[in-house]
Amino acid sequence: MATKSRRVVLFGISAAVVVAGAVVTPQAFAATTPGFGRFGFFGSRNNAGAGNNAGAGNNAGGGAAAGNGDCTDVQLVFARGTGEPQGLGIVGRPLAQALASELPGRTVSSFAVVYAAAANQRSAGPGATNMSQHIASVAAACPETQFVIGGYSQGASVTDIAMGIRGAGTAGEAIDADLTGRVSAVVVFGNPLGLQRRTIAGSSAEFGPKAKEFCNNGDPVCGGGNNFAAHLAYPRNGTVQQAAEFAAGKVG
């Protein structure tokens, strides 16, 4: 099937899926994203913990970090998936906890990228801009802070665009070249870039060596499968812990 006409059409899905203690009811829709044609996938709705976690520079407006006294050794900057309320989301929350556990003796904070996570996927570019600007503001205020960046589903596209990967979605601001060395690790889950048969490793010489991508078998968002339960399984199938271990190793 040609790339331009690649399509996943979903009908008749009515079962609720339990994810991370929340009931997620899939709603089928089709969305268009530049670079990989039309496809449909589900956002997840989880009202628990919608707000951003506490941490240096972690506020709803995505503004600059507070003074150096609030700086942490490491900050996770994470973009949630489509349809999730503002916050770290069903993958980002457990990832933040696991990363802190993997870095004993270091202070770890988190920031939830502020963006719409809209069904039409066009919010990925603005999300990348928020991610990039937030990193710049915290880096300026906290010269010793290292960053772990990542995202889930559309949030992975946000991360791709922030890394400067072309054709990953709508236009957005990339992380300043002078700050790429401050990003120690990249972890993404269910990355739509996979529908183009592309990877971060093959698309970014700068970020590829410090990136880890997770795509569950059958996930239609990253692997072209037809099992939407696979796209919702990341919080409970061990990949979050694997991502935390990988990121902690890259932090050093």
Protein backbone atom coordinates (compact mmCIF):
# COMPACT_ATOMS: atom_id res chain seq x y z
CA MET A 1 0.00 0.00 0.00
CA ALA A 2 1.40 3.41 -0.95
CA THR A 3 2.43 5.71 1.85
CA LYS A 4 0.01 8.45 0.84
CA SER A 5 -2.93 6.11 1.07
CA ARG A 6 -1.85 4.20 4.14
CA ARG A 7 -4.90 3.94 6.35
CA VAL A 8 -6.08 2.13 9.39
CA VAL A 9 -9.87 2.14 9.68
CA LEU A 10 -11.42 1.11 12.94
CA PHE A 11 -15.04 0.20 13.43
CA GLY A 12 -17.25 -1.26 16.08
CA ILE A 13 -14.93 -1.01 19.06
CA SER A 14 -16.95 -0.70 22.22
CA ALA A 15 -14.97 -2.49 24.91
CA ALA A 16 -13.42 -0.46 27.69
CA VAL A 17 -9.75 -1.09 28.34
CA VAL A 18 -8.36 -0.81 31.84
CA VAL A 19 -5.03 0.99 31.86
CA ALA A 20 -3.06 1.97 34.94
CA GLY A 21 -6.15 1.92 37.10
CA ALA A 22 -8.22 4.09 34.76
CA VAL A 23 -10.97 3.04 32.39
CA VAL A 24 -10.00 3.98 28.86
CA THR A 25 -12.81 3.88 26.31
CA PRO A 26 -11.47 3.90 22.74
CA GLN A 27 -13.11 6.34 20.34
CA ALA A 28 -12.31 5.71 16.68
CA PHE A 29 -11.29 8.61 14.51
CA ALA A 30 -9.13 9.31 11.48
CA ALA A 31 -6.42 11.95 11.53
CA THR A 32 -4.04 13.37 8.98
CA THR A 33 -0.43 14.06 9.80
CA PRO A 34 2.12 15.30 7.25
CA GLY A 35 4.62 12.61 6.35
CA PHE A 36 2.68 9.41 6.87
CA GLY A 37 -0.76 9.78 5.38
CA ARG A 38 -4.02 9.00 7.12
CA PHE A 39 -4.36 6.71 10.07
CA GLY A 40 -6.59 6.34 13.07
CA PHE A 41 -5.64 5.78 16.66
CA PHE A 42 -7.08 6.26 20.08
CA GLY A 43 -6.35 8.81 22.69
CA SER A 44 -6.77 7.67 26.26
CA ARG A 45 -8.67 9.43 28.98
CA ASN A 46 -7.31 9.25 32.49
CA ASN A 47 -8.51 11.91 34.91
CA ALA A 48 -6.24 10.87 37.74
CA GLY A 49 -3.30 13.15 38.34
CA ALA A 50 -4.02 15.44 35.42
CA GLY A 51 -1.86 18.25 36.76
CA ASN A 52 1.88 18.51 36.29
CA ASN A 53 4.09 16.95 38.92
CA ALA A 54 6.06 19.22 41.18
CA GLY A 55 9.57 20.02 40.05
CA ALA A 56 11.85 22.76 38.90
CA GLY A 57 10.22 24.78 36.16
CA ASN A 58 7.15 22.54 36.11
CA ASN A 59 4.14 24.79 35.76
CA ALA A 60 1.04 24.87 33.62
CA GLY A 61 2.33 27.74 31.55
CA GLY A 62 5.62 26.12 30.67
CA GLY A 63 7.55 29.12 31.96
CA ALA A 64 11.10 29.41 33.17
CA ALA A 65 12.39 27.53 36.15
CA ALA A 66 12.64 29.17 39.52
CA GLY A 67 15.95 30.19 41.05
CA ASN A 68 18.98 27.92 41.30
CA GLY A 69 17.80 26.70 44.68
CA ASP A 70 15.01 24.83 42.91
CA CYS A 71 17.24 23.24 40.28
CA THR A 72 17.47 19.47 40.14
CA ASP A 73 20.19 17.18 38.86
CA VAL A 74 17.88 15.65 36.26
CA GLN A 75 14.58 16.70 34.76
CA LEU A 76 12.22 14.52 32.75
CA VAL A 77 10.41 16.53 30.05
CA PHE A 78 7.57 14.38 28.76
CA ALA A 79 4.67 14.82 26.31
CA ARG A 80 1.45 12.85 26.90
CA GLY A 81 -0.60 11.05 24.26
CA THR A 82 -3.60 12.14 22.22
CA GLY A 83 -6.73 12.87 24.23
CA GLU A 84 -5.10 12.76 27.64
CA PRO A 85 -5.69 15.73 29.96
CA GLN A 86 -2.80 18.08 30.68
CA GLY A 87 -0.13 16.36 32.72
CA LEU A 88 2.47 13.65 32.33
CA GLY A 89 -0.14 11.10 31.25
CA ILE A 90 -0.49 7.37 31.75
CA VAL A 91 3.07 6.65 30.61
CA GLY A 92 4.89 9.75 31.86
CA ARG A 93 3.73 9.46 35.47
CA PRO A 94 5.14 5.98 36.13
CA LEU A 95 8.23 6.86 34.08
CA ALA A 96 8.97 9.84 36.33
CA GLN A 97 8.69 7.63 39.42
CA ALA A 98 10.82 4.86 37.92
CA LEU A 99 13.52 7.29 36.77
CA ALA A 100 13.80 8.79 40.26
CA SER A 101 14.14 5.29 41.70
CA GLU A 102 16.92 4.50 39.23
CA LEU A 103 18.89 7.60 40.25
CA PRO A 104 19.25 7.36 44.04
CA GLY A 105 21.19 10.20 45.54
CA ARG A 106 20.22 12.58 42.74
CA THR A 107 17.34 15.00 42.62
CA VAL A 108 14.88 14.32 39.79
CA SER A 109 12.02 16.57 38.70
CA SER A 110 9.53 16.38 35.85
CA PHE A 111 7.78 18.71 33.45
CA ALA A 112 4.64 17.88 31.47
CA VAL A 113 4.79 19.48 28.03
CA VAL A 114 1.94 21.94 27.63
CA TYR A 115 0.07 21.28 24.40
CA ALA A 116 -3.42 20.40 23.18
CA ALA A 117 -2.81 16.69 22.38
CA ALA A 118 -5.60 17.15 19.82
CA ALA A 119 -7.12 14.33 17.79
CA ASN A 120 -6.09 15.90 14.48
CA GLN A 121 -2.40 15.59 15.49
CA ARG A 122 -1.70 19.20 14.48
CA SER A 123 -0.81 20.12 18.04
CA ALA A 124 2.45 18.16 17.88
CA GLY A 125 4.40 21.11 16.44
CA PRO A 126 3.27 23.59 19.10
CA GLY A 127 4.04 20.91 21.69
CA ALA A 128 7.58 20.63 20.36
CA THR A 129 7.96 24.38 20.67
CA ASN A 130 6.84 24.25 24.30
CA MET A 131 9.26 21.39 25.00
CA SER A 132 12.17 23.23 23.37
CA GLN A 133 11.45 26.57 25.02
CA HIS A 134 11.05 24.96 28.42
CA ILE A 135 14.40 23.18 28.10
CA ALA A 136 16.03 26.49 27.12
CA SER A 137 14.57 28.31 30.12
CA VAL A 138 15.52 25.64 32.64
CA ALA A 139 18.98 25.20 31.11
CA ALA A 140 19.63 28.92 31.51
CA ALA A 141 18.50 28.96 35.15
CA CYS A 142 19.99 25.59 36.07
CA PRO A 143 23.36 25.11 34.35
CA GLU A 144 23.98 21.68 35.87
CA THR A 145 20.60 20.10 35.11
CA GLN A 146 20.55 17.22 32.63
CA PHE A 147 17.40 16.41 30.69
CA VAL A 148 15.62 13.21 29.77
CA ILE A 149 13.00 13.89 27.10
CA GLY A 150 10.29 11.74 25.63
CA GLY A 151 6.67 11.17 24.84
CA TYR A 152 3.90 8.71 24.20
CA SER A 153 1.91 8.42 20.97
CA GLN A 154 1.42 11.98 19.65
CA GLY A 155 3.80 12.98 22.44
CA ALA A 156 6.46 10.94 20.67
CA SER A 157 5.85 13.08 17.57
CA VAL A 158 6.27 16.15 19.78
CA THR A 159 9.66 14.77 20.82
CA ASP A 160 10.65 13.94 17.23
CA ILE A 161 9.92 17.49 16.09
CA ALA A 162 11.78 18.94 19.09
CA MET A 163 14.80 16.89 18.02
CA GLY A 164 14.61 18.45 14.57
CA ILE A 165 13.49 15.33 12.71
CA ARG A 166 11.95 16.42 9.41
CA GLY A 167 8.61 15.06 8.31
CA ALA A 168 7.67 13.95 11.82
CA GLY A 169 4.58 16.17 12.01
CA THR A 170 3.53 19.80 11.99
CA ALA A 171 6.10 22.59 12.21
CA GLY A 172 7.57 23.38 15.60
CA GLU A 173 10.66 24.81 17.23
CA ALA A 174 13.56 22.43 17.74
CA ILE A 175 15.89 22.29 20.72
CA ASP A 176 18.72 24.78 20.30
CA ALA A 177 21.85 23.15 18.93
CA ASP A 178 23.86 24.49 21.85
CA LEU A 179 21.63 22.57 24.27
CA THR A 180 21.57 19.14 22.63
CA GLY A 181 24.44 18.05 24.86
CA ARG A 182 22.30 18.76 27.91
CA VAL A 183 19.80 16.13 26.77
CA SER A 184 21.19 12.88 28.16
CA ALA A 185 18.51 10.47 26.96
CA VAL A 186 15.39 10.19 24.81
CA VAL A 187 12.65 7.61 25.42
CA VAL A 188 9.49 7.35 23.33
CA PHE A 189 6.57 4.94 23.26
CA GLY A 190 4.31 4.17 20.29
CA ASN A 191 6.12 6.62 18.01
CA PRO A 192 4.13 7.40 14.80
CA LEU A 193 7.46 7.88 13.03
CA GLY A 194 7.49 4.11 12.73
CA LEU A 195 4.66 4.22 10.20
CA GLN A 196 7.17 5.77 7.83
CA ARG A 197 9.54 2.88 8.60
CA ARG A 198 11.82 5.39 10.25
CA THR A 199 13.53 5.46 13.63
CA ILE A 200 15.12 8.18 15.72
CA ALA A 201 18.45 6.38 15.36
CA GLY A 202 18.21 6.60 11.59
CA SER A 203 16.80 10.12 11.51
CA SER A 204 18.96 12.05 13.98
CA ALA A 205 22.74 11.77 14.17
CA GLU A 206 22.75 13.90 17.31
CA PHE A 207 19.99 12.21 19.32
CA GLY A 208 19.97 8.71 17.81
CA PRO A 209 22.79 7.28 19.97
CA LYS A 210 20.98 8.31 23.17
CA ALA A 211 17.45 7.33 22.14
CA LYS A 212 15.34 4.30 22.94
CA GLU A 213 12.05 3.62 21.14
CA PHE A 214 9.38 1.20 22.34
CA CYS A 215 6.82 -0.19 19.89
CA ASN A 216 4.67 -3.05 21.10
CA ASN A 217 3.95 -5.91 18.73
CA GLY A 218 0.69 -5.14 16.94
CA ASP A 219 0.65 -1.44 17.83
CA PRO A 220 -1.00 0.33 14.86
CA VAL A 221 0.45 3.74 15.76
CA CYS A 222 4.12 2.81 15.47
CA GLY A 223 4.15 -0.58 13.76
CA GLY A 224 1.17 -0.67 11.44
CA GLY A 225 -0.57 -3.47 13.34
CA ASN A 226 -4.25 -3.72 14.20
CA ASN A 227 -4.21 -4.28 17.95
CA PHE A 228 -5.08 -1.07 19.77
CA ALA A 229 -4.77 -2.77 23.12
CA ALA A 230 -1.06 -3.00 22.32
CA HIS A 231 -0.90 0.79 22.00
CA LEU A 232 -2.39 1.15 25.46
CA ALA A 233 -0.22 -1.47 27.14
CA TYR A 234 2.99 0.50 27.75
CA PRO A 235 2.23 1.49 31.37
CA ARG A 236 1.89 -2.15 32.42
CA ASN A 237 4.13 -4.30 30.20
CA GLY A 238 7.54 -3.45 31.64
CA THR A 239 8.66 -1.00 28.98
CA VAL A 240 8.41 1.99 31.32
CA GLN A 241 10.89 0.37 33.69
CA GLN A 242 13.16 -0.49 30.77
CA ALA A 243 13.03 3.11 29.62
CA ALA A 244 13.91 4.37 33.11
CA GLU A 245 16.88 2.03 33.32
CA PHE A 246 18.09 3.09 29.87
CA ALA A 247 17.74 6.80 30.66
CA ALA A 248 19.46 6.46 34.04
CA GLY A 249 22.36 4.71 32.32
CA LYS A 250 22.71 7.56 29.85
CA VAL A 251 22.62 10.14 32.62
CA GLY A 252 25.66 8.30 34.02
